[in-house]
């Protein structure tokens, strides 16, 4: 079960825009990440690489935790609000729920739930 301070530190890093650094610090080496019903992506190196591609494709990204976040044993649920300004000038607003399973102080599984229309799908 992650400590509340761990989740607060994770949220602070994400809100500061340090998305890849937060992954390096808090995700397990064998972590998985899944978008809605897409197949899960596996492995920390793969997750960080994809995150850095997203960051490189954006002029600016802001993230805000919509509090409260919830902790129940190894399960953490965070509601996020993201604003993306893409390199081509498009803007995307994303409101999502991140459902996470932690093992101690490391995030092992994360699944995002959001309306795909927000991403232009």
Protein backbone atom coordinates (compact mmCIF):
# COMPACT_ATOMS: atom_id res chain seq x y z
CA UNK A 1 0.00 0.00 0.00
CA UNK A 2 1.48 3.36 -0.96
CA UNK A 3 1.80 6.05 1.70
CA UNK A 4 -0.36 9.12 1.25
CA UNK A 5 2.84 11.20 1.05
CA UNK A 6 3.99 9.06 -1.88
CA UNK A 7 0.80 9.79 -3.82
CA UNK A 8 1.07 13.49 -2.96
CA UNK A 9 4.67 13.53 -4.27
CA UNK A 10 3.60 11.69 -7.44
CA UNK A 11 0.78 14.18 -8.05
CA UNK A 12 3.11 17.13 -7.42
CA UNK A 13 5.59 15.87 -10.04
CA UNK A 14 2.85 15.35 -12.61
CA UNK A 15 1.32 18.77 -11.91
CA UNK A 16 4.81 20.30 -12.33
CA UNK A 17 4.98 18.79 -15.82
CA UNK A 18 7.65 16.24 -14.92
CA UNK A 19 5.70 13.35 -16.43
CA UNK A 20 8.64 11.16 -17.44
CA UNK A 21 10.53 11.85 -14.20
CA UNK A 22 7.45 10.85 -12.21
CA UNK A 23 7.37 7.59 -14.13
CA UNK A 24 11.07 6.96 -13.46
CA UNK A 25 10.58 7.61 -9.76
CA UNK A 26 7.25 5.93 -9.04
CA UNK A 27 6.57 3.22 -11.66
CA UNK A 28 7.81 -0.36 -11.28
CA UNK A 29 10.14 -1.74 -13.96
CA UNK A 30 7.40 -4.13 -15.10
CA UNK A 31 4.58 -1.55 -14.94
CA UNK A 32 1.68 -1.62 -17.38
CA UNK A 33 -0.47 1.23 -18.67
CA UNK A 34 -3.76 0.96 -20.54
CA UNK A 35 -5.95 3.53 -22.30
CA UNK A 36 -9.64 2.61 -22.04
CA UNK A 37 -10.03 -0.74 -23.84
CA UNK A 38 -6.73 -0.60 -25.78
CA UNK A 39 -4.20 -3.34 -25.13
CA UNK A 40 -1.93 -2.57 -22.16
CA UNK A 41 1.54 -1.21 -22.85
CA UNK A 42 4.21 -2.99 -20.84
CA UNK A 43 7.56 -2.18 -19.29
CA UNK A 44 8.83 1.04 -17.78
CA UNK A 45 11.27 1.86 -20.60
CA UNK A 46 8.47 1.52 -23.16
CA UNK A 47 6.10 3.65 -21.08
CA UNK A 48 8.69 6.41 -20.64
CA UNK A 49 9.56 6.39 -24.35
CA UNK A 50 5.92 6.85 -25.30
CA UNK A 51 5.47 9.59 -22.68
CA UNK A 52 8.47 11.47 -24.07
CA UNK A 53 7.01 11.24 -27.61
CA UNK A 54 3.77 12.75 -26.30
CA UNK A 55 5.72 15.50 -24.56
CA UNK A 56 7.77 16.19 -27.72
CA UNK A 57 4.57 16.48 -29.75
CA UNK A 58 3.21 19.18 -27.46
CA UNK A 59 4.13 22.82 -27.07
CA UNK A 60 2.65 22.85 -23.61
CA UNK A 61 0.90 20.41 -21.25
CA UNK A 62 -0.71 21.27 -17.96
CA UNK A 63 -2.01 18.70 -15.49
CA UNK A 64 -4.19 19.16 -12.46
CA UNK A 65 -5.38 16.59 -9.96
CA UNK A 66 -9.09 17.07 -9.31
CA UNK A 67 -9.17 16.29 -5.61
CA UNK A 68 -9.79 14.28 -3.63
CA UNK A 69 -7.79 11.27 -4.77
CA UNK A 70 -8.71 7.92 -3.24
CA UNK A 71 -6.53 5.24 -1.65
CA UNK A 72 -7.87 1.84 -0.62
CA UNK A 73 -5.10 -0.64 0.10
CA UNK A 74 -3.01 -1.00 -3.08
CA UNK A 75 -5.65 0.77 -5.21
CA UNK A 76 -5.38 4.48 -5.96
CA UNK A 77 -7.85 6.49 -8.04
CA UNK A 78 -6.96 9.95 -9.33
CA UNK A 79 -9.07 12.24 -11.49
CA UNK A 80 -6.88 14.30 -13.82
CA UNK A 81 -7.57 17.37 -15.93
CA UNK A 82 -5.05 17.90 -18.76
CA UNK A 83 -4.71 20.75 -21.25
CA UNK A 84 -2.54 20.00 -24.28
CA UNK A 85 -1.35 22.51 -26.84
CA UNK A 86 0.01 20.41 -29.68
CA UNK A 87 2.81 21.45 -32.02
CA UNK A 88 0.29 21.96 -34.85
CA UNK A 89 -1.63 24.45 -32.69
CA UNK A 90 -4.54 22.17 -31.81
CA UNK A 91 -5.72 22.18 -28.22
CA UNK A 92 -7.03 19.16 -26.39
CA UNK A 93 -8.71 19.13 -23.00
CA UNK A 94 -8.70 15.73 -21.35
CA UNK A 95 -10.65 14.81 -18.23
CA UNK A 96 -9.79 11.27 -17.14
CA UNK A 97 -9.80 8.83 -14.28
CA UNK A 98 -6.59 6.94 -13.54
CA UNK A 99 -7.20 3.64 -11.75
CA UNK A 100 -3.90 2.41 -10.33
CA UNK A 101 -2.62 -0.67 -8.54
CA UNK A 102 0.46 -0.11 -6.44
CA UNK A 103 2.84 -2.61 -4.86
CA UNK A 104 4.31 -0.84 -1.88
CA UNK A 105 5.68 2.48 -3.14
CA UNK A 106 5.73 1.52 -6.84
CA UNK A 107 2.94 1.80 -9.37
CA UNK A 108 2.42 -1.56 -11.12
CA UNK A 109 -0.75 -1.14 -13.21
CA UNK A 110 -2.53 1.94 -14.46
CA UNK A 111 -5.66 2.15 -16.55
CA UNK A 112 -7.10 5.40 -17.83
CA UNK A 113 -10.81 5.95 -18.41
CA UNK A 114 -11.90 8.87 -20.58
CA UNK A 115 -14.17 9.75 -23.46
CA UNK A 116 -12.15 9.08 -26.64
CA UNK A 117 -13.92 12.00 -28.32
CA UNK A 118 -11.78 14.28 -26.16
CA UNK A 119 -8.74 13.03 -28.10
CA UNK A 120 -10.38 13.35 -31.50
CA UNK A 121 -10.96 9.60 -31.84
